[in-house]
Amino acid sequence: MKKNFISNSSESIRMFKSSFLESLSKVHYYVPLIVYIPVIGYLIYLSFTDAKMDFLSFGSWFLIGLFVWTISEYILHRFVFHFYPKSAIGKRIHFIFHGVHHDYPNDSKRLVMPPSASIPMALGLYFLFLYILPAGTIYAFFTGFLIGYLIYDMVHYALHHANFKSGFWKKLKQHHMLHHYSDSTKGYGVSSAIWDKVLGSDFDKK
């Protein structure tokens, strides 16, 4: 689906009449690091003290968590953030969660997920994985999952605001800018384009 409107303004538009709700919708790019790095440190600590994991087991479940994040990032972006409801309230919710970013992609305070949204989502996923995974693996798994999330947030911010010299980063930025400025029904991967290639939503960059 081609974009009908994109603003190149770096200003933040107001989304809520309530100043409190408005403040919850904006966040500086480094806030997720402040929130989640201590949590990651505590999960690592619990992996070796509470769960009694050895380094090999920890590394294995860490990598599994990181891998699961990559597909989760793709699924969330493609099927949740780009789900277009037909009802008025559904359209409003979509705009709040993701539509505003597509209309105002240079708004630096709406490039990473605010804790008001990411913390409830992280808690829900934590308890889901706790239920699914083998006993004693959740701490290492979720360490990898959260690090994947932080990489996603930081990469997303950088893709919009950094000038890259490396060919790898230039290609990744091109991939994301095509999603914004050419066709938003393709290029759902942000920190990686791998799943777009695997699942057939990549751009023909020729």
N, C-alpha and C. Protein backbone atom coordinates (compact mmCIF):
# COMPACT_ATOMS: atom_id res chain seq x y z
N MET A 1 0.84 -1.20 0.00
CA MET A 1 0.00 0.00 0.00
C MET A 1 0.87 1.24 0.00
N LYS A 2 0.69 2.10 -0.98
CA LYS A 2 1.50 3.30 -1.08
C LYS A 2 1.07 4.32 -0.02
N LYS A 3 2.02 5.09 0.45
CA LYS A 3 1.72 6.12 1.43
C LYS A 3 1.05 7.31 0.76
N ASN A 4 0.02 7.87 1.42
CA ASN A 4 -0.65 9.06 0.91
C ASN A 4 -0.09 10.33 1.53
N PHE A 5 0.42 10.23 2.73
CA PHE A 5 0.92 11.42 3.42
C PHE A 5 2.13 11.07 4.25
N ILE A 6 3.20 11.82 4.07
CA ILE A 6 4.38 11.68 4.91
C ILE A 6 4.91 13.08 5.17
N SER A 7 5.07 13.42 6.44
CA SER A 7 5.65 14.71 6.79
C SER A 7 7.14 14.55 7.02
N ASN A 8 7.93 15.48 6.53
CA ASN A 8 9.37 15.48 6.78
C ASN A 8 9.74 16.36 7.96
N SER A 9 8.74 16.85 8.67
CA SER A 9 8.99 17.68 9.84
C SER A 9 9.56 16.85 10.98
N SER A 10 10.49 17.42 11.72
CA SER A 10 11.06 16.73 12.89
C SER A 10 10.27 17.04 14.16
N GLU A 11 9.22 17.84 14.04
CA GLU A 11 8.40 18.21 15.20
C GLU A 11 7.48 17.07 15.59
N SER A 12 7.13 17.03 16.88
CA SER A 12 6.17 16.05 17.37
C SER A 12 4.77 16.65 17.30
N ILE A 13 3.86 15.92 16.67
CA ILE A 13 2.48 16.39 16.68
C ILE A 13 1.81 15.92 17.97
N ARG A 14 0.81 16.64 18.41
CA ARG A 14 0.10 16.28 19.62
C ARG A 14 -0.96 15.24 19.28
N MET A 15 -1.03 14.16 20.07
CA MET A 15 -1.99 13.09 19.82
C MET A 15 -3.11 13.08 20.85
N PHE A 16 -2.86 13.59 22.05
CA PHE A 16 -3.84 13.51 23.12
C PHE A 16 -4.13 14.90 23.70
N LYS A 17 -5.36 15.13 24.10
CA LYS A 17 -5.71 16.35 24.81
C LYS A 17 -5.09 16.35 26.20
N SER A 18 -5.03 15.18 26.81
CA SER A 18 -4.45 15.04 28.15
C SER A 18 -2.93 15.18 28.08
N SER A 19 -2.38 16.07 28.87
CA SER A 19 -0.91 16.25 28.90
C SER A 19 -0.23 15.01 29.44
N PHE A 20 -0.88 14.31 30.38
CA PHE A 20 -0.31 13.09 30.94
C PHE A 20 -0.20 12.00 29.88
N LEU A 21 -1.29 11.76 29.13
CA LEU A 21 -1.25 10.76 28.08
C LEU A 21 -0.26 11.15 26.99
N GLU A 22 -0.20 12.43 26.69
CA GLU A 22 0.73 12.90 25.68
C GLU A 22 2.18 12.61 26.09
N SER A 23 2.47 12.81 27.37
CA SER A 23 3.83 12.56 27.86
C SER A 23 4.19 11.08 27.78
N LEU A 24 3.19 10.21 27.95
CA LEU A 24 3.44 8.77 27.87
C LEU A 24 3.72 8.31 26.45
N SER A 25 3.33 9.12 25.46
CA SER A 25 3.49 8.72 24.05
C SER A 25 4.84 9.11 23.47
N LYS A 26 5.64 9.84 24.25
CA LYS A 26 6.94 10.30 23.76
C LYS A 26 8.05 9.78 24.65
N VAL A 27 9.20 9.52 24.05
CA VAL A 27 10.31 9.01 24.84
C VAL A 27 11.62 9.29 24.11
N HIS A 28 12.66 9.64 24.86
CA HIS A 28 13.99 9.79 24.27
C HIS A 28 14.54 8.40 23.95
N TYR A 29 15.38 8.32 22.95
CA TYR A 29 15.84 7.02 22.44
C TYR A 29 16.58 6.19 23.48
N TYR A 30 17.22 6.83 24.47
CA TYR A 30 18.04 6.10 25.44
C TYR A 30 17.23 5.55 26.62
N VAL A 31 15.95 5.93 26.73
CA VAL A 31 15.15 5.48 27.88
C VAL A 31 15.01 3.96 27.95
N PRO A 32 14.76 3.24 26.82
CA PRO A 32 14.71 1.78 26.92
C PRO A 32 15.98 1.16 27.49
N LEU A 33 17.13 1.77 27.20
CA LEU A 33 18.39 1.26 27.76
C LEU A 33 18.39 1.40 29.28
N ILE A 34 17.93 2.53 29.78
CA ILE A 34 17.88 2.77 31.23
C ILE A 34 16.92 1.79 31.89
N VAL A 35 15.81 1.51 31.23
CA VAL A 35 14.79 0.63 31.81
C VAL A 35 15.22 -0.83 31.78
N TYR A 36 15.76 -1.29 30.65
CA TYR A 36 15.92 -2.73 30.46
C TYR A 36 17.31 -3.28 30.74
N ILE A 37 18.35 -2.47 30.70
CA ILE A 37 19.68 -3.01 30.99
C ILE A 37 19.77 -3.53 32.43
N PRO A 38 19.23 -2.84 33.43
CA PRO A 38 19.23 -3.43 34.78
C PRO A 38 18.43 -4.73 34.85
N VAL A 39 17.32 -4.81 34.12
CA VAL A 39 16.51 -6.03 34.09
C VAL A 39 17.32 -7.17 33.47
N ILE A 40 18.02 -6.88 32.39
CA ILE A 40 18.86 -7.89 31.74
C ILE A 40 19.95 -8.37 32.69
N GLY A 41 20.57 -7.43 33.39
CA GLY A 41 21.60 -7.81 34.36
C GLY A 41 21.05 -8.72 35.44
N TYR A 42 19.83 -8.43 35.91
CA TYR A 42 19.21 -9.25 36.96
C TYR A 42 18.86 -10.64 36.42
N LEU A 43 18.39 -10.71 35.18
CA LEU A 43 18.07 -12.00 34.57
C LEU A 43 19.32 -12.86 34.41
N ILE A 44 20.43 -12.24 34.05
CA ILE A 44 21.70 -12.98 33.94
C ILE A 44 22.09 -13.52 35.31
N TYR A 45 21.96 -12.68 36.33
CA TYR A 45 22.27 -13.08 37.70
C TYR A 45 21.41 -14.28 38.12
N LEU A 46 20.11 -14.22 37.84
CA LEU A 46 19.20 -15.31 38.21
C LEU A 46 19.49 -16.58 37.43
N SER A 47 19.98 -16.44 36.21
CA SER A 47 20.30 -17.61 35.40
C SER A 47 21.34 -18.50 36.07
N PHE A 48 22.33 -17.85 36.71
CA PHE A 48 23.43 -18.61 37.30
C PHE A 48 23.23 -18.89 38.79
N THR A 49 22.37 -18.13 39.44
CA THR A 49 22.16 -18.34 40.88
C THR A 49 20.89 -19.13 41.15
N ASP A 50 19.77 -18.66 40.63
CA ASP A 50 18.50 -19.33 40.89
C ASP A 50 18.33 -20.56 40.01
N ALA A 51 18.61 -20.41 38.70
CA ALA A 51 18.41 -21.53 37.78
C ALA A 51 19.62 -22.47 37.72
N LYS A 52 20.77 -22.05 38.28
CA LYS A 52 21.98 -22.88 38.32
C LYS A 52 22.44 -23.33 36.92
N MET A 53 22.37 -22.44 35.95
CA MET A 53 22.76 -22.80 34.59
C MET A 53 24.27 -22.76 34.45
N ASP A 54 24.80 -23.61 33.57
CA ASP A 54 26.21 -23.48 33.20
C ASP A 54 26.31 -22.56 31.99
N PHE A 55 27.53 -22.18 31.62
CA PHE A 55 27.70 -21.19 30.56
C PHE A 55 27.18 -21.69 29.21
N LEU A 56 27.34 -22.97 28.93
CA LEU A 56 26.87 -23.52 27.66
C LEU A 56 25.35 -23.46 27.56
N SER A 57 24.68 -23.86 28.63
CA SER A 57 23.21 -23.82 28.64
C SER A 57 22.71 -22.38 28.54
N PHE A 58 23.38 -21.49 29.29
CA PHE A 58 22.98 -20.09 29.24
C PHE A 58 23.13 -19.54 27.82
N GLY A 59 24.28 -19.80 27.20
CA GLY A 59 24.54 -19.30 25.85
C GLY A 59 23.55 -19.86 24.84
N SER A 60 23.19 -21.14 24.99
CA SER A 60 22.25 -21.76 24.05
C SER A 60 20.87 -21.11 24.15
N TRP A 61 20.37 -20.95 25.38
CA TRP A 61 19.04 -20.37 25.56
C TRP A 61 19.04 -18.88 25.27
N PHE A 62 20.16 -18.23 25.51
CA PHE A 62 20.30 -16.82 25.14
C PHE A 62 20.14 -16.65 23.62
N LEU A 63 20.82 -17.50 22.85
CA LEU A 63 20.75 -17.41 21.39
C LEU A 63 19.35 -17.77 20.89
N ILE A 64 18.71 -18.72 21.55
CA ILE A 64 17.32 -19.06 21.17
C ILE A 64 16.41 -17.85 21.40
N GLY A 65 16.59 -17.18 22.54
CA GLY A 65 15.79 -16.00 22.82
C GLY A 65 16.02 -14.90 21.82
N LEU A 66 17.28 -14.70 21.44
CA LEU A 66 17.63 -13.68 20.45
C LEU A 66 17.00 -14.02 19.10
N PHE A 67 17.05 -15.30 18.73
CA PHE A 67 16.45 -15.74 17.47
C PHE A 67 14.94 -15.53 17.49
N VAL A 68 14.30 -15.91 18.59
CA VAL A 68 12.85 -15.75 18.70
C VAL A 68 12.46 -14.28 18.61
N TRP A 69 13.33 -13.39 19.16
CA TRP A 69 13.02 -11.97 19.02
C TRP A 69 12.96 -11.57 17.55
N THR A 70 13.89 -12.06 16.72
CA THR A 70 13.94 -11.62 15.33
C THR A 70 12.64 -11.92 14.60
N ILE A 71 12.07 -13.10 14.82
CA ILE A 71 10.81 -13.44 14.17
C ILE A 71 9.66 -12.71 14.84
N SER A 72 9.77 -12.46 16.16
CA SER A 72 8.73 -11.70 16.86
C SER A 72 8.67 -10.27 16.34
N GLU A 73 9.85 -9.67 16.12
CA GLU A 73 9.92 -8.32 15.57
C GLU A 73 9.18 -8.25 14.23
N TYR A 74 9.44 -9.23 13.39
CA TYR A 74 8.81 -9.26 12.08
C TYR A 74 7.30 -9.43 12.19
N ILE A 75 6.87 -10.38 13.03
CA ILE A 75 5.43 -10.67 13.17
C ILE A 75 4.69 -9.46 13.75
N LEU A 76 5.27 -8.85 14.79
CA LEU A 76 4.63 -7.68 15.39
C LEU A 76 4.49 -6.55 14.38
N HIS A 77 5.56 -6.31 13.64
CA HIS A 77 5.53 -5.20 12.68
C HIS A 77 4.55 -5.49 11.55
N ARG A 78 4.59 -6.67 11.02
CA ARG A 78 3.75 -6.97 9.85
C ARG A 78 2.29 -7.18 10.20
N PHE A 79 2.02 -7.96 11.24
CA PHE A 79 0.64 -8.40 11.48
C PHE A 79 -0.07 -7.64 12.60
N VAL A 80 0.68 -6.94 13.44
CA VAL A 80 0.05 -6.15 14.51
C VAL A 80 0.11 -4.66 14.17
N PHE A 81 1.32 -4.13 13.98
CA PHE A 81 1.46 -2.71 13.71
C PHE A 81 0.87 -2.31 12.36
N HIS A 82 0.85 -3.24 11.41
CA HIS A 82 0.29 -2.93 10.09
C HIS A 82 -1.05 -3.61 9.85
N PHE A 83 -1.76 -3.88 10.93
CA PHE A 83 -3.15 -4.31 10.82
C PHE A 83 -4.02 -3.06 10.75
N TYR A 84 -4.83 -2.94 9.71
CA TYR A 84 -5.61 -1.72 9.49
C TYR A 84 -7.09 -1.99 9.79
N PRO A 85 -7.55 -1.60 10.99
CA PRO A 85 -8.96 -1.81 11.35
C PRO A 85 -9.88 -0.92 10.50
N LYS A 86 -11.14 -1.30 10.43
CA LYS A 86 -12.10 -0.52 9.66
C LYS A 86 -12.89 0.45 10.53
N SER A 87 -13.01 0.14 11.82
CA SER A 87 -13.78 1.00 12.71
C SER A 87 -13.01 2.28 13.03
N ALA A 88 -13.73 3.31 13.42
CA ALA A 88 -13.11 4.60 13.74
C ALA A 88 -12.18 4.47 14.93
N ILE A 89 -12.63 3.75 15.96
CA ILE A 89 -11.78 3.60 17.16
C ILE A 89 -10.57 2.72 16.84
N GLY A 90 -10.76 1.73 15.98
CA GLY A 90 -9.64 0.89 15.57
C GLY A 90 -8.60 1.68 14.81
N LYS A 91 -9.06 2.57 13.94
CA LYS A 91 -8.13 3.43 13.19
C LYS A 91 -7.38 4.36 14.12
N ARG A 92 -8.07 4.85 15.14
CA ARG A 92 -7.43 5.74 16.12
C ARG A 92 -6.35 4.99 16.89
N ILE A 93 -6.64 3.76 17.32
CA ILE A 93 -5.66 2.95 18.05
C ILE A 93 -4.46 2.65 17.17
N HIS A 94 -4.72 2.32 15.89
CA HIS A 94 -3.63 2.04 14.97
C HIS A 94 -2.74 3.26 14.79
N PHE A 95 -3.36 4.43 14.68
CA PHE A 95 -2.58 5.65 14.50
C PHE A 95 -1.69 5.91 15.71
N ILE A 96 -2.23 5.69 16.91
CA ILE A 96 -1.48 5.93 18.14
C ILE A 96 -0.26 5.00 18.21
N PHE A 97 -0.47 3.72 17.85
CA PHE A 97 0.60 2.74 18.03
C PHE A 97 1.62 2.74 16.90
N HIS A 98 1.18 3.03 15.67
CA HIS A 98 2.16 2.94 14.58
C HIS A 98 1.92 3.92 13.44
N GLY A 99 0.66 4.28 13.21
CA GLY A 99 0.36 5.17 12.11
C GLY A 99 1.06 6.51 12.20
N VAL A 100 1.17 7.03 13.44
CA VAL A 100 1.82 8.33 13.63
C VAL A 100 3.28 8.27 13.19
N HIS A 101 3.93 7.13 13.39
CA HIS A 101 5.33 6.99 12.98
C HIS A 101 5.46 7.02 11.47
N HIS A 102 4.51 6.43 10.77
CA HIS A 102 4.58 6.45 9.31
C HIS A 102 4.24 7.83 8.75
N ASP A 103 3.36 8.55 9.42
CA ASP A 103 3.03 9.90 8.95
C ASP A 103 4.11 10.92 9.30
N TYR A 104 4.79 10.69 10.43
CA TYR A 104 5.84 11.60 10.91
C TYR A 104 7.10 10.80 11.25
N PRO A 105 7.76 10.24 10.25
CA PRO A 105 8.89 9.33 10.51
C PRO A 105 10.12 10.00 11.11
N ASN A 106 10.21 11.33 11.05
CA ASN A 106 11.38 12.03 11.60
C ASN A 106 11.17 12.53 13.02
N ASP A 107 10.04 12.22 13.61
CA ASP A 107 9.77 12.60 14.99
C ASP A 107 10.65 11.75 15.91
N SER A 108 11.70 12.35 16.46
CA SER A 108 12.71 11.60 17.21
C SER A 108 12.18 11.03 18.52
N LYS A 109 11.08 11.55 19.03
CA LYS A 109 10.55 11.07 20.31
C LYS A 109 9.50 9.97 20.14
N ARG A 110 9.28 9.57 18.89
CA ARG A 110 8.35 8.46 18.67
C ARG A 110 9.00 7.41 17.77
N LEU A 111 10.27 7.14 18.03
CA LEU A 111 11.01 6.15 17.25
C LEU A 111 11.29 4.89 18.04
N VAL A 112 11.33 4.98 19.35
CA VAL A 112 11.47 3.79 20.19
C VAL A 112 10.18 3.63 20.98
N MET A 113 9.91 2.40 21.38
CA MET A 113 8.66 2.13 22.07
C MET A 113 8.69 2.71 23.49
N PRO A 114 7.71 3.53 23.87
CA PRO A 114 7.71 4.09 25.22
C PRO A 114 7.48 2.99 26.26
N PRO A 115 8.06 3.14 27.45
CA PRO A 115 7.87 2.13 28.51
C PRO A 115 6.41 1.89 28.84
N SER A 116 5.55 2.89 28.65
CA SER A 116 4.12 2.71 28.92
C SER A 116 3.51 1.62 28.05
N ALA A 117 4.12 1.34 26.90
CA ALA A 117 3.67 0.25 26.03
C ALA A 117 4.57 -0.97 26.13
N SER A 118 5.89 -0.74 26.21
CA SER A 118 6.82 -1.87 26.15
C SER A 118 6.81 -2.71 27.44
N ILE A 119 6.62 -2.06 28.59
CA ILE A 119 6.65 -2.83 29.86
C ILE A 119 5.47 -3.80 29.96
N PRO A 120 4.21 -3.36 29.71
CA PRO A 120 3.12 -4.34 29.73
C PRO A 120 3.31 -5.46 28.71
N MET A 121 3.81 -5.11 27.51
CA MET A 121 4.05 -6.12 26.48
C MET A 121 5.13 -7.10 26.92
N ALA A 122 6.21 -6.58 27.51
CA ALA A 122 7.30 -7.44 27.98
C ALA A 122 6.83 -8.38 29.08
N LEU A 123 6.03 -7.87 30.00
CA LEU A 123 5.51 -8.71 31.09
C LEU A 123 4.61 -9.81 30.54
N GLY A 124 3.74 -9.45 29.60
CA GLY A 124 2.86 -10.46 29.01
C GLY A 124 3.64 -11.55 28.30
N LEU A 125 4.66 -11.16 27.54
CA LEU A 125 5.48 -12.14 26.84
C LEU A 125 6.31 -12.98 27.79
N TYR A 126 6.79 -12.34 28.87
CA TYR A 126 7.57 -13.09 29.86
C TYR A 126 6.76 -14.24 30.44
N PHE A 127 5.53 -13.96 30.85
CA PHE A 127 4.71 -15.01 31.46
C PHE A 127 4.24 -16.03 30.43
N LEU A 128 4.09 -15.61 29.18
CA LEU A 128 3.77 -16.56 28.12
C LEU A 128 4.92 -17.53 27.92
N PHE A 129 6.14 -17.01 27.81
CA PHE A 129 7.31 -17.87 27.63
C PHE A 129 7.58 -18.71 28.87
N LEU A 130 7.31 -18.14 30.05
CA LEU A 130 7.48 -18.91 31.29
C LEU A 130 6.61 -20.16 31.28
N TYR A 131 5.41 -20.02 30.72
CA TYR A 131 4.47 -21.14 30.63
C TYR A 131 4.90 -22.15 29.59
N ILE A 132 5.50 -21.68 28.49
CA ILE A 132 5.82 -22.54 27.36
C ILE A 132 7.16 -23.25 27.52
N LEU A 133 8.16 -22.54 28.03
CA LEU A 133 9.53 -23.04 28.02
C LEU A 133 9.79 -24.06 29.13
N PRO A 134 10.83 -24.89 28.94
CA PRO A 134 11.22 -25.82 30.01
C PRO A 134 11.63 -25.06 31.27
N ALA A 135 11.42 -25.69 32.42
CA ALA A 135 11.73 -25.06 33.70
C ALA A 135 13.19 -24.65 33.77
N GLY A 136 13.44 -23.46 34.30
CA GLY A 136 14.80 -23.00 34.52
C GLY A 136 15.46 -22.32 33.34
N THR A 137 14.74 -22.19 32.21
CA THR A 137 15.35 -21.60 31.01
C THR A 137 14.90 -20.17 30.74
N ILE A 138 13.86 -19.72 31.43
CA ILE A 138 13.25 -18.43 31.10
C ILE A 138 14.22 -17.27 31.26
N TYR A 139 15.07 -17.30 32.28
CA TYR A 139 15.95 -16.16 32.52
C TYR A 139 16.94 -15.95 31.38
N ALA A 140 17.58 -17.03 30.94
CA ALA A 140 18.55 -16.92 29.85
C ALA A 140 17.84 -16.59 28.54
N PHE A 141 16.71 -17.25 28.31
CA PHE A 141 15.94 -17.00 27.09
C PHE A 141 15.51 -15.54 27.01
N PHE A 142 14.96 -15.03 28.10
CA PHE A 142 14.43 -13.67 28.06
C PHE A 142 15.54 -12.62 28.04
N THR A 143 16.73 -12.99 28.53
CA THR A 143 17.89 -12.12 28.36
C THR A 143 18.16 -11.88 26.89
N GLY A 144 18.21 -12.96 26.11
CA GLY A 144 18.43 -12.83 24.67
C GLY A 144 17.29 -12.09 24.00
N PHE A 145 16.07 -12.36 24.43
CA PHE A 145 14.90 -11.72 23.83
C PHE A 145 14.93 -10.21 24.07
N LEU A 146 15.24 -9.79 25.30
CA LEU A 146 15.28 -8.36 25.61
C LEU A 146 16.44 -7.65 24.92
N ILE A 147 17.58 -8.32 24.83
CA ILE A 147 18.70 -7.70 24.10
C ILE A 147 18.33 -7.53 22.64
N GLY A 148 17.64 -8.50 22.07
CA GLY A 148 17.15 -8.35 20.70
C GLY A 148 16.22 -7.16 20.57
N TYR A 149 15.36 -6.98 21.56
CA TYR A 149 14.45 -5.83 21.53
C TYR A 149 15.22 -4.50 21.61
N LEU A 150 16.22 -4.43 22.49
CA LEU A 150 17.00 -3.20 22.60
C LEU A 150 17.76 -2.91 21.31
N ILE A 151 18.31 -3.95 20.69
CA ILE A 151 18.99 -3.77 19.41
C ILE A 151 18.02 -3.19 18.38
N TYR A 152 16.81 -3.74 18.36
CA TYR A 152 15.77 -3.26 17.44
C TYR A 152 15.48 -1.77 17.66
N ASP A 153 15.26 -1.38 18.92
CA ASP A 153 14.95 0.02 19.22
C ASP A 153 16.09 0.95 18.82
N MET A 154 17.32 0.58 19.18
CA MET A 154 18.46 1.45 18.87
C MET A 154 18.73 1.51 17.37
N VAL A 155 18.61 0.38 16.69
CA VAL A 155 18.80 0.36 15.24
C VAL A 155 17.73 1.20 14.56
N HIS A 156 16.49 1.08 15.03
CA HIS A 156 15.40 1.85 14.43
C HIS A 156 15.66 3.35 14.55
N TYR A 157 16.10 3.77 15.72
CA TYR A 157 16.42 5.19 15.88
C TYR A 157 17.56 5.60 14.95
N ALA A 158 18.59 4.78 14.89
CA ALA A 158 19.75 5.11 14.06
C ALA A 158 19.39 5.16 12.58
N LEU A 159 18.52 4.27 12.12
CA LEU A 159 18.15 4.25 10.72
C LEU A 159 17.49 5.56 10.28
N HIS A 160 16.82 6.21 11.22
CA HIS A 160 16.14 7.46 10.90
C HIS A 160 17.03 8.68 11.12
N HIS A 161 18.06 8.57 11.96
CA HIS A 161 18.79 9.78 12.35
C HIS A 161 20.30 9.72 12.17
N ALA A 162 20.84 8.58 11.77
CA ALA A 162 22.30 8.48 11.62
C ALA A 162 22.69 8.49 10.15
N ASN A 163 23.87 9.02 9.86
CA ASN A 163 24.45 8.97 8.52
C ASN A 163 25.53 7.88 8.50
N PHE A 164 25.26 6.82 7.79
CA PHE A 164 26.14 5.66 7.81
C PHE A 164 27.19 5.72 6.71
N LYS A 165 28.36 5.17 7.00
CA LYS A 165 29.44 5.02 6.02
C LYS A 165 29.54 3.58 5.54
N SER A 166 29.21 2.64 6.43
CA SER A 166 29.33 1.22 6.12
C SER A 166 28.27 0.78 5.11
N GLY A 167 28.66 -0.09 4.20
CA GLY A 167 27.74 -0.61 3.21
C GLY A 167 26.59 -1.39 3.82
N PHE A 168 26.88 -2.17 4.87
CA PHE A 168 25.84 -2.95 5.54
C PHE A 168 24.74 -2.05 6.08
N TRP A 169 25.15 -1.00 6.80
CA TRP A 169 24.16 -0.11 7.41
C TRP A 169 23.44 0.71 6.36
N LYS A 170 24.12 1.07 5.30
CA LYS A 170 23.45 1.80 4.22
C LYS A 170 22.36 0.94 3.58
N LYS A 171 22.63 -0.34 3.39
CA LYS A 171 21.63 -1.23 2.80
C LYS A 171 20.44 -1.42 3.74
N LEU A 172 20.74 -1.54 5.04
CA LEU A 172 19.66 -1.71 6.01
C LEU A 172 18.80 -0.45 6.08
N LYS A 173 19.46 0.72 6.01
CA LYS A 173 18.71 1.98 6.02
C LYS A 173 17.86 2.10 4.75
N GLN A 174 18.43 1.73 3.61
CA GLN A 174 17.66 1.76 2.37
C GLN A 174 16.42 0.87 2.49
N HIS A 175 16.59 -0.31 3.06
CA HIS A 175 15.49 -1.26 3.24
C HIS A 175 14.36 -0.62 4.05
N HIS A 176 14.72 0.06 5.14
CA HIS A 176 13.70 0.65 6.00
C HIS A 176 13.08 1.90 5.36
N MET A 177 13.88 2.68 4.66
CA MET A 177 13.34 3.87 4.02
C MET A 177 12.38 3.51 2.88
N LEU A 178 12.65 2.41 2.18
CA LEU A 178 11.71 1.94 1.17
C LEU A 178 10.38 1.56 1.81
N HIS A 179 10.43 0.98 3.00
CA HIS A 179 9.21 0.65 3.73
C HIS A 179 8.40 1.91 4.02
N HIS A 180 9.10 2.99 4.38
CA HIS A 180 8.42 4.24 4.72
C HIS A 180 7.97 5.03 3.49
N TYR A 181 8.85 5.12 2.50
CA TYR A 181 8.62 6.08 1.43
C TYR A 181 8.20 5.46 0.10
N SER A 182 8.25 4.12 -0.01
CA SER A 182 7.87 3.49 -1.26
C SER A 182 6.65 2.60 -1.09
N ASP A 183 6.77 1.56 -0.27
CA ASP A 183 5.68 0.59 -0.13
C ASP A 183 5.70 0.01 1.28
N SER A 184 4.72 0.38 2.09
CA SER A 184 4.69 -0.07 3.49
C SER A 184 4.17 -1.49 3.64
N THR A 185 3.81 -2.14 2.53
CA THR A 185 3.41 -3.54 2.61
C THR A 185 4.59 -4.48 2.41
N LYS A 186 5.79 -3.93 2.36
CA LYS A 186 7.01 -4.72 2.25
C LYS A 186 8.05 -4.16 3.23
N GLY A 187 9.09 -4.96 3.46
CA GLY A 187 10.20 -4.47 4.28
C GLY A 187 9.85 -4.30 5.74
N TYR A 188 9.32 -5.34 6.36
CA TYR A 188 8.90 -5.25 7.77
C TYR A 188 10.06 -5.43 8.74
N GLY A 189 11.12 -6.04 8.31
CA GLY A 189 12.28 -6.20 9.18
C GLY A 189 12.97 -4.87 9.38
N VAL A 190 13.32 -4.57 10.63
CA VAL A 190 13.98 -3.32 10.96
C VAL A 190 15.45 -3.56 11.31
N SER A 191 15.70 -4.39 12.29
CA SER A 191 17.08 -4.67 12.67
C SER A 191 17.73 -5.69 11.74
N SER A 192 16.93 -6.32 10.90
CA SER A 192 17.45 -7.28 9.92
C SER A 192 16.42 -7.45 8.81
N ALA A 193 16.90 -7.71 7.62
CA ALA A 193 15.99 -7.95 6.48
C ALA A 193 15.83 -9.44 6.19
N ILE A 194 16.35 -10.29 7.07
CA ILE A 194 16.38 -11.73 6.79
C ILE A 194 14.97 -12.30 6.60
N TRP A 195 14.04 -11.97 7.54
CA TRP A 195 12.71 -12.57 7.46
C TRP A 195 11.92 -12.05 6.28
N ASP A 196 12.21 -10.84 5.82
CA ASP A 196 11.58 -10.36 4.60
C ASP A 196 11.99 -11.21 3.41
N LYS A 197 13.25 -11.60 3.38
CA LYS A 197 13.73 -12.45 2.30
C LYS A 197 13.12 -13.85 2.39
N VAL A 198 13.05 -14.38 3.60
CA VAL A 198 12.54 -15.74 3.80
C VAL A 198 11.03 -15.81 3.52
N LEU A 199 10.29 -14.79 3.94
CA LEU A 199 8.83 -14.83 3.87
C LEU A 199 8.24 -14.02 2.72
N GLY A 200 9.10 -13.59 1.81
CA GLY A 200 8.61 -13.02 0.56
C GLY A 200 8.10 -11.60 0.63
N SER A 201 8.56 -10.82 1.61
CA SER A 201 8.10 -9.42 1.70
C SER A 201 9.25 -8.44 1.47
N ASP A 202 10.30 -8.91 0.81
CA ASP A 202 11.43 -8.04 0.52
C ASP A 202 11.15 -7.22 -0.73
N PHE A 203 11.90 -6.13 -0.89
CA PHE A 203 11.79 -5.30 -2.08
C PHE A 203 12.66 -5.86 -3.19
N ASP A 204 12.25 -5.60 -4.42
CA ASP A 204 13.12 -5.87 -5.55
C ASP A 204 14.00 -4.63 -5.71
N LYS A 205 15.21 -4.68 -5.11
CA LYS A 205 16.06 -3.51 -5.07
C LYS A 205 16.83 -3.26 -6.36
N LYS A 206 16.56 -4.05 -7.40
CA LYS A 206 17.22 -3.81 -8.68
C LYS A 206 16.78 -2.47 -9.27
